[in-house]
Amino acid sequence: MATALRINHDRSLQIQSALLNPRIACGQMFTKILSYRGNDVFREVMSSYGFHHVHADKEAAKLLEEREELMRTFCTNAEVNKMTVKLNFKAVYGTKEVLLALDAPKKTAYFLGSADHRLMLTNYYRDVMPKLAEVLRVAVGGSTSRLTAGGWQTLHDVINDINFKADFAEVDKVEVMSTVASARWRKPTLELGVNLLNFKDARAVREEIHREIKGF
């Protein structure tokens, strides 16, 4: 069974746009999403969640404006029921064709209703990987083109885990391999099978890595 995509379950995604290339894919998309104000109550609610800057594409803005009853429920859930933004958005808009990207470091939220934009957001983990690998000082290579969106999500969750470098400090490179079934350690390169990443969650992959490197 393929790795479940977080965005499909939660309908929202925590992002760091600073780690994206602004000239391509997701990075370029976020630079083009226009600012959205909404009414005063909505702006106050988003600010209370820590998102002082709100953007929405044309389709999302139309949904937000035309479905006022949904907007009222969203605001009530925040102000009265004290729901988190993630749970609130899923409860109110989870069945609608709109996704929410939350960039906490930049205090910015993006409402995405366009089919193209929603598809691009599913590939966020692929698009963020080059800069993330650079920041973490772990080279990533190999058969990455064979990773699904779920596989990229798993790879991201594995190497971006706060304990990854602490536990596996000797890993300098992660190689995605179509010829490896699980994990193989060839110091300083950690080889991870395509199917392992595409079909297992991050916890299971970390267990495989631990057994391979630590021997238990």
C-alpha atoms as a PDB file:
ATOM      1  CA  MET A   1       0.000   0.000   0.000  1.00  0.00           C
ATOM      2  CA  ALA A   2       1.427   3.375  -1.037  1.00  0.00           C
ATOM      3  CA  THR A   3       2.348   5.938   1.582  1.00  0.00           C
ATOM      4  CA  ALA A   4      -0.680   8.074   2.483  1.00  0.00           C
ATOM      5  CA  LEU A   5      -0.269  11.698   1.496  1.00  0.00           C
ATOM      6  CA  ARG A   6      -0.557  14.073   4.450  1.00  0.00           C
ATOM      7  CA  ILE A   7      -2.170  16.756   2.293  1.00  0.00           C
ATOM      8  CA  ASN A   8      -4.972  14.403   1.232  1.00  0.00           C
ATOM      9  CA  HIS A   9      -5.792  13.556   4.835  1.00  0.00           C
ATOM     10  CA  ASP A  10      -5.349  16.937   6.501  1.00  0.00           C
ATOM     11  CA  ARG A  11      -6.316  19.174   3.536  1.00  0.00           C
ATOM     12  CA  SER A  12      -3.614  21.566   4.777  1.00  0.00           C
ATOM     13  CA  LEU A  13       0.160  21.473   4.789  1.00  0.00           C
ATOM     14  CA  GLN A  14       2.878  23.126   6.825  1.00  0.00           C
ATOM     15  CA  ILE A  15       5.429  24.572   4.409  1.00  0.00           C
ATOM     16  CA  GLN A  16       8.630  26.598   4.397  1.00  0.00           C
ATOM     17  CA  SER A  17       8.613  28.649   1.225  1.00  0.00           C
ATOM     18  CA  ALA A  18      12.110  29.913   2.044  1.00  0.00           C
ATOM     19  CA  LEU A  19      13.374  26.437   1.133  1.00  0.00           C
ATOM     20  CA  LEU A  20      11.781  26.532  -2.328  1.00  0.00           C
ATOM     21  CA  ASN A  21      13.287  27.761  -5.569  1.00  0.00           C
ATOM     22  CA  PRO A  22      11.110  30.790  -6.470  1.00  0.00           C
ATOM     23  CA  ARG A  23      11.691  30.208 -10.187  1.00  0.00           C
ATOM     24  CA  ILE A  24      10.184  26.740 -10.525  1.00  0.00           C
ATOM     25  CA  ALA A  25       7.289  24.515  -9.451  1.00  0.00           C
ATOM     26  CA  CYS A  26       5.865  25.163  -5.965  1.00  0.00           C
ATOM     27  CA  GLY A  27       8.257  28.019  -5.309  1.00  0.00           C
ATOM     28  CA  GLN A  28       7.145  29.878  -8.405  1.00  0.00           C
ATOM     29  CA  MET A  29       3.480  29.123  -7.689  1.00  0.00           C
ATOM     30  CA  PHE A  30       3.573  30.756  -4.259  1.00  0.00           C
ATOM     31  CA  THR A  31       5.110  33.945  -5.664  1.00  0.00           C
ATOM     32  CA  LYS A  32       2.135  34.327  -8.021  1.00  0.00           C
ATOM     33  CA  ILE A  33      -0.754  33.782  -5.594  1.00  0.00           C
ATOM     34  CA  LEU A  34      -2.396  37.151  -5.019  1.00  0.00           C
ATOM     35  CA  SER A  35      -3.021  38.712  -1.626  1.00  0.00           C
ATOM     36  CA  TYR A  36      -6.521  38.159  -0.222  1.00  0.00           C
ATOM     37  CA  ARG A  37      -8.120  40.369   2.416  1.00  0.00           C
ATOM     38  CA  GLY A  38     -11.610  39.034   3.061  1.00  0.00           C
ATOM     39  CA  ASN A  39     -13.742  40.703   5.700  1.00  0.00           C
ATOM     40  CA  ASP A  40     -12.494  42.154   8.974  1.00  0.00           C
ATOM     41  CA  VAL A  41     -13.506  39.140  11.064  1.00  0.00           C
ATOM     42  CA  PHE A  42     -11.726  36.713   8.739  1.00  0.00           C
ATOM     43  CA  ARG A  43      -8.547  38.795   8.829  1.00  0.00           C
ATOM     44  CA  GLU A  44      -8.687  38.922  12.622  1.00  0.00           C
ATOM     45  CA  VAL A  45      -9.189  35.160  12.819  1.00  0.00           C
ATOM     46  CA  MET A  46      -6.231  34.441  10.537  1.00  0.00           C
ATOM     47  CA  SER A  47      -4.091  36.871  12.533  1.00  0.00           C
ATOM     48  CA  SER A  48      -5.118  35.127  15.746  1.00  0.00           C
ATOM     49  CA  TYR A  49      -3.773  31.935  14.204  1.00  0.00           C
ATOM     50  CA  GLY A  50      -0.490  33.730  13.540  1.00  0.00           C
ATOM     51  CA  PHE A  51      -1.008  34.268   9.824  1.00  0.00           C
ATOM     52  CA  HIS A  52      -0.974  37.995   9.173  1.00  0.00           C
ATOM     53  CA  HIS A  53      -0.618  37.606   5.408  1.00  0.00           C
ATOM     54  CA  VAL A  54      -3.262  35.682   3.465  1.00  0.00           C
ATOM     55  CA  HIS A  55      -3.149  34.790  -0.226  1.00  0.00           C
ATOM     56  CA  ALA A  56      -5.724  33.008  -2.361  1.00  0.00           C
ATOM     57  CA  ASP A  57      -5.843  32.025  -6.008  1.00  0.00           C
ATOM     58  CA  LYS A  58      -8.873  32.947  -8.114  1.00  0.00           C
ATOM     59  CA  GLU A  59     -10.796  29.730  -7.458  1.00  0.00           C
ATOM     60  CA  ALA A  60     -10.160  29.749  -3.717  1.00  0.00           C
ATOM     61  CA  ALA A  61     -11.091  33.420  -3.400  1.00  0.00           C
ATOM     62  CA  LYS A  62     -14.375  32.721  -5.189  1.00  0.00           C
ATOM     63  CA  LEU A  63     -15.190  29.901  -2.760  1.00  0.00           C
ATOM     64  CA  LEU A  64     -14.319  32.016   0.268  1.00  0.00           C
ATOM     65  CA  GLU A  65     -16.483  34.905  -0.933  1.00  0.00           C
ATOM     66  CA  GLU A  66     -19.487  33.032  -2.289  1.00  0.00           C
ATOM     67  CA  ARG A  67     -19.873  30.487   0.520  1.00  0.00           C
ATOM     68  CA  GLU A  68     -20.375  32.979   3.338  1.00  0.00           C
ATOM     69  CA  GLU A  69     -21.943  30.353   5.601  1.00  0.00           C
ATOM     70  CA  LEU A  70     -18.696  28.375   5.494  1.00  0.00           C
ATOM     71  CA  MET A  71     -16.689  31.491   6.276  1.00  0.00           C
ATOM     72  CA  ARG A  72     -18.930  32.256   9.262  1.00  0.00           C
ATOM     73  CA  THR A  73     -18.531  28.714  10.579  1.00  0.00           C
ATOM     74  CA  PHE A  74     -14.752  28.924  10.150  1.00  0.00           C
ATOM     75  CA  CYS A  75     -14.613  32.171  12.119  1.00  0.00           C
ATOM     76  CA  THR A  76     -16.948  30.859  14.849  1.00  0.00           C
ATOM     77  CA  ASN A  77     -14.875  27.705  15.232  1.00  0.00           C
ATOM     78  CA  ALA A  78     -11.810  29.870  15.777  1.00  0.00           C
ATOM     79  CA  GLU A  79     -13.281  32.487  18.076  1.00  0.00           C
ATOM     80  CA  VAL A  80     -15.790  30.475  20.090  1.00  0.00           C
ATOM     81  CA  ASN A  81     -14.763  26.830  19.808  1.00  0.00           C
ATOM     82  CA  LYS A  82     -11.008  27.595  19.846  1.00  0.00           C
ATOM     83  CA  MET A  83     -10.267  25.056  17.131  1.00  0.00           C
ATOM     84  CA  THR A  84      -6.776  24.946  15.664  1.00  0.00           C
ATOM     85  CA  VAL A  85      -6.436  26.266  12.135  1.00  0.00           C
ATOM     86  CA  LYS A  86      -5.644  22.787  10.813  1.00  0.00           C
ATOM     87  CA  LEU A  87      -8.700  21.127  12.358  1.00  0.00           C
ATOM     88  CA  ASN A  88     -10.918  24.127  11.613  1.00  0.00           C
ATOM     89  CA  PHE A  89     -10.013  24.206   7.945  1.00  0.00           C
ATOM     90  CA  LYS A  90     -10.529  20.470   7.525  1.00  0.00           C
ATOM     91  CA  ALA A  91     -13.875  20.569   9.352  1.00  0.00           C
ATOM     92  CA  VAL A  92     -15.244  23.437   7.259  1.00  0.00           C
ATOM     93  CA  TYR A  93     -13.544  23.091   3.875  1.00  0.00           C
ATOM     94  CA  GLY A  94     -12.362  19.485   3.929  1.00  0.00           C
ATOM     95  CA  THR A  95     -14.869  18.324   1.314  1.00  0.00           C
ATOM     96  CA  LYS A  96     -14.360  21.344  -0.943  1.00  0.00           C
ATOM     97  CA  GLU A  97     -11.864  21.666  -3.769  1.00  0.00           C
ATOM     98  CA  VAL A  98      -9.484  23.873  -1.847  1.00  0.00           C
ATOM     99  CA  LEU A  99      -6.244  23.234   0.043  1.00  0.00           C
ATOM    100  CA  LEU A 100      -4.397  25.346   2.592  1.00  0.00           C
ATOM    101  CA  ALA A 101      -0.630  25.868   2.753  1.00  0.00           C
ATOM    102  CA  LEU A 102       0.626  27.356   6.015  1.00  0.00           C
ATOM    103  CA  ASP A 103       4.015  29.059   6.094  1.00  0.00           C
ATOM    104  CA  ALA A 104       4.469  29.744   9.813  1.00  0.00           C
ATOM    105  CA  PRO A 105       7.976  31.263   9.537  1.00  0.00           C
ATOM    106  CA  LYS A 106       6.619  33.893   7.148  1.00  0.00           C
ATOM    107  CA  LYS A 107       3.255  34.175   8.941  1.00  0.00           C
ATOM    108  CA  THR A 108       1.578  33.549   5.584  1.00  0.00           C
ATOM    109  CA  ALA A 109      -1.346  31.331   4.548  1.00  0.00           C
ATOM    110  CA  TYR A 110      -2.181  30.302   0.986  1.00  0.00           C
ATOM    111  CA  PHE A 111      -5.652  29.110  -0.042  1.00  0.00           C
ATOM    112  CA  LEU A 112      -5.387  27.063  -3.242  1.00  0.00           C
ATOM    113  CA  GLY A 113      -8.436  26.168  -5.295  1.00  0.00           C
ATOM    114  CA  SER A 114      -7.012  25.771  -8.796  1.00  0.00           C
ATOM    115  CA  ALA A 115      -6.620  22.129  -9.843  1.00  0.00           C
ATOM    116  CA  ASP A 116      -3.098  22.903 -11.070  1.00  0.00           C
ATOM    117  CA  HIS A 117      -2.143  24.593  -7.819  1.00  0.00           C
ATOM    118  CA  ARG A 118      -3.568  21.761  -5.726  1.00  0.00           C
ATOM    119  CA  LEU A 119      -1.599  19.236  -7.771  1.00  0.00           C
ATOM    120  CA  MET A 120       1.573  21.272  -7.384  1.00  0.00           C
ATOM    121  CA  LEU A 121       1.138  21.360  -3.611  1.00  0.00           C
ATOM    122  CA  THR A 122       1.108  17.543  -3.509  1.00  0.00           C
ATOM    123  CA  ASN A 123       4.677  17.732  -4.860  1.00  0.00           C
ATOM    124  CA  TYR A 124       5.883  20.178  -2.212  1.00  0.00           C
ATOM    125  CA  TYR A 125       8.228  17.642  -0.599  1.00  0.00           C
ATOM    126  CA  ARG A 126       9.919  16.947  -3.918  1.00  0.00           C
ATOM    127  CA  ASP A 127      10.384  20.637  -4.608  1.00  0.00           C
ATOM    128  CA  VAL A 128      11.745  21.464  -1.160  1.00  0.00           C
ATOM    129  CA  MET A 129      14.285  18.626  -1.092  1.00  0.00           C
ATOM    130  CA  PRO A 130      17.286  20.277  -2.865  1.00  0.00           C
ATOM    131  CA  LYS A 131      17.486  23.222  -0.473  1.00  0.00           C
ATOM    132  CA  LEU A 132      16.548  21.124   2.552  1.00  0.00           C
ATOM    133  CA  ALA A 133      19.331  18.638   1.784  1.00  0.00           C
ATOM    134  CA  GLU A 134      21.753  21.545   1.492  1.00  0.00           C
ATOM    135  CA  VAL A 135      20.668  22.972   4.843  1.00  0.00           C
ATOM    136  CA  LEU A 136      20.916  19.560   6.513  1.00  0.00           C
ATOM    137  CA  ARG A 137      24.246  18.839   4.800  1.00  0.00           C
ATOM    138  CA  VAL A 138      23.023  15.536   3.429  1.00  0.00           C
ATOM    139  CA  ALA A 139      23.373  14.990  -0.311  1.00  0.00           C
ATOM    140  CA  VAL A 140      20.394  13.275  -1.953  1.00  0.00           C
ATOM    141  CA  GLY A 141      20.686  11.445  -5.263  1.00  0.00           C
ATOM    142  CA  GLY A 142      19.963   8.254  -7.170  1.00  0.00           C
ATOM    143  CA  SER A 143      16.684   7.162  -8.738  1.00  0.00           C
ATOM    144  CA  THR A 144      14.636   9.984  -7.261  1.00  0.00           C
ATOM    145  CA  SER A 145      12.514  10.239 -10.434  1.00  0.00           C
ATOM    146  CA  ARG A 146      10.897   6.953  -9.411  1.00  0.00           C
ATOM    147  CA  LEU A 147       9.618   8.328  -6.121  1.00  0.00           C
ATOM    148  CA  THR A 148       5.906   9.018  -5.810  1.00  0.00           C
ATOM    149  CA  ALA A 149       4.624  12.090  -3.991  1.00  0.00           C
ATOM    150  CA  GLY A 150       4.256   9.815  -0.970  1.00  0.00           C
ATOM    151  CA  GLY A 151       7.829   8.607  -1.367  1.00  0.00           C
ATOM    152  CA  TRP A 152       9.120  12.180  -1.352  1.00  0.00           C
ATOM    153  CA  GLN A 153       7.053  12.872   1.756  1.00  0.00           C
ATOM    154  CA  THR A 154       8.608   9.881   3.515  1.00  0.00           C
ATOM    155  CA  LEU A 155      12.134  10.833   2.457  1.00  0.00           C
ATOM    156  CA  HIS A 156      11.525  14.372   3.710  1.00  0.00           C
ATOM    157  CA  ASP A 157      10.178  13.150   7.047  1.00  0.00           C
ATOM    158  CA  VAL A 158      13.124  10.801   7.523  1.00  0.00           C
ATOM    159  CA  ILE A 159      16.000  13.188   6.886  1.00  0.00           C
ATOM    160  CA  ASN A 160      14.275  16.253   8.346  1.00  0.00           C
ATOM    161  CA  ASP A 161      13.653  14.473  11.655  1.00  0.00           C
ATOM    162  CA  ILE A 162      15.470  16.327  14.421  1.00  0.00           C
ATOM    163  CA  ASN A 163      17.119  13.068  15.515  1.00  0.00           C
ATOM    164  CA  PHE A 164      18.335  11.936  12.084  1.00  0.00           C
ATOM    165  CA  LYS A 165      21.735  13.623  12.171  1.00  0.00           C
ATOM    166  CA  ALA A 166      22.105  12.910  15.875  1.00  0.00           C
ATOM    167  CA  ASP A 167      21.454   9.200  15.398  1.00  0.00           C
ATOM    168  CA  PHE A 168      23.174   8.805  12.036  1.00  0.00           C
ATOM    169  CA  ALA A 169      25.878  11.453  12.017  1.00  0.00           C
ATOM    170  CA  GLU A 170      28.028   9.339   9.695  1.00  0.00           C
ATOM    171  CA  VAL A 171      25.518   9.617   6.848  1.00  0.00           C
ATOM    172  CA  ASP A 172      26.746  12.155   4.300  1.00  0.00           C
ATOM    173  CA  LYS A 173      24.624  11.014   1.367  1.00  0.00           C
ATOM    174  CA  VAL A 174      21.266   9.344   0.827  1.00  0.00           C
ATOM    175  CA  GLU A 175      21.009   7.412  -2.417  1.00  0.00           C
ATOM    176  CA  VAL A 176      17.568   6.359  -3.668  1.00  0.00           C
ATOM    177  CA  MET A 177      18.016   2.935  -5.269  1.00  0.00           C
ATOM    178  CA  SER A 178      15.727   0.853  -7.487  1.00  0.00           C
ATOM    179  CA  THR A 179      17.951  -2.205  -6.916  1.00  0.00           C
ATOM    180  CA  VAL A 180      17.774  -2.141  -3.119  1.00  0.00           C
ATOM    181  CA  ALA A 181      14.812  -3.679  -1.303  1.00  0.00           C
ATOM    182  CA  SER A 182      15.112  -1.806   1.974  1.00  0.00           C
ATOM    183  CA  ALA A 183      18.121   0.034   3.448  1.00  0.00           C
ATOM    184  CA  ARG A 184      21.812  -0.604   2.794  1.00  0.00           C
ATOM    185  CA  TRP A 185      24.724   1.112   4.494  1.00  0.00           C
ATOM    186  CA  ARG A 186      27.872   1.795   2.489  1.00  0.00           C
ATOM    187  CA  LYS A 187      29.622   4.391   4.585  1.00  0.00           C
ATOM    188  CA  PRO A 188      29.193   7.317   4.146  1.00  0.00           C
ATOM    189  CA  THR A 189      26.270   6.582   1.795  1.00  0.00           C
ATOM    190  CA  LEU A 190      22.894   5.328   2.958  1.00  0.00           C
ATOM    191  CA  GLU A 191      21.009   3.553   0.183  1.00  0.00           C
ATOM    192  CA  LEU A 192      17.224   3.464   0.454  1.00  0.00           C
ATOM    193  CA  GLY A 193      15.032   1.398  -1.837  1.00  0.00           C
ATOM    194  CA  VAL A 194      12.465   3.139  -4.012  1.00  0.00           C
ATOM    195  CA  ASN A 195       9.745   0.774  -2.858  1.00  0.00           C
ATOM    196  CA  LEU A 196      10.729   1.225   0.787  1.00  0.00           C
ATOM    197  CA  LEU A 197      10.130   4.969   0.495  1.00  0.00           C
ATOM    198  CA  ASN A 198       7.041   4.696  -1.708  1.00  0.00           C
ATOM    199  CA  PHE A 199       5.274   2.076   0.402  1.00  0.00           C
ATOM    200  CA  LYS A 200       6.471   2.576   3.996  1.00  0.00           C
ATOM    201  CA  ASP A 201       5.977   5.459   6.401  1.00  0.00           C
ATOM    202  CA  ALA A 202       8.853   7.398   7.959  1.00  0.00           C
ATOM    203  CA  ARG A 203       8.824   5.409  11.198  1.00  0.00           C
ATOM    204  CA  ALA A 204       9.215   2.104   9.373  1.00  0.00           C
ATOM    205  CA  VAL A 205      12.009   3.519   7.220  1.00  0.00           C
ATOM    206  CA  ARG A 206      13.861   4.821  10.271  1.00  0.00           C
ATOM    207  CA  GLU A 207      13.616   1.370  11.843  1.00  0.00           C
ATOM    208  CA  GLU A 208      15.168  -0.140   8.714  1.00  0.00           C
ATOM    209  CA  ILE A 209      17.962   2.437   8.803  1.00  0.00           C
ATOM    210  CA  HIS A 210      18.599   1.829  12.490  1.00  0.00           C
ATOM    211  CA  ARG A 211      18.886  -1.918  11.973  1.00  0.00           C
ATOM    212  CA  GLU A 212      21.227  -1.470   9.021  1.00  0.00           C
ATOM    213  CA  ILE A 213      23.571   1.096  10.587  1.00  0.00           C
ATOM    214  CA  LYS A 214      23.370   0.216  14.262  1.00  0.00           C
ATOM    215  CA  GLY A 215      22.897  -3.510  13.804  1.00  0.00           C
ATOM    216  CA  PHE A 216      19.756  -3.827  15.922  1.00  0.00           C
END
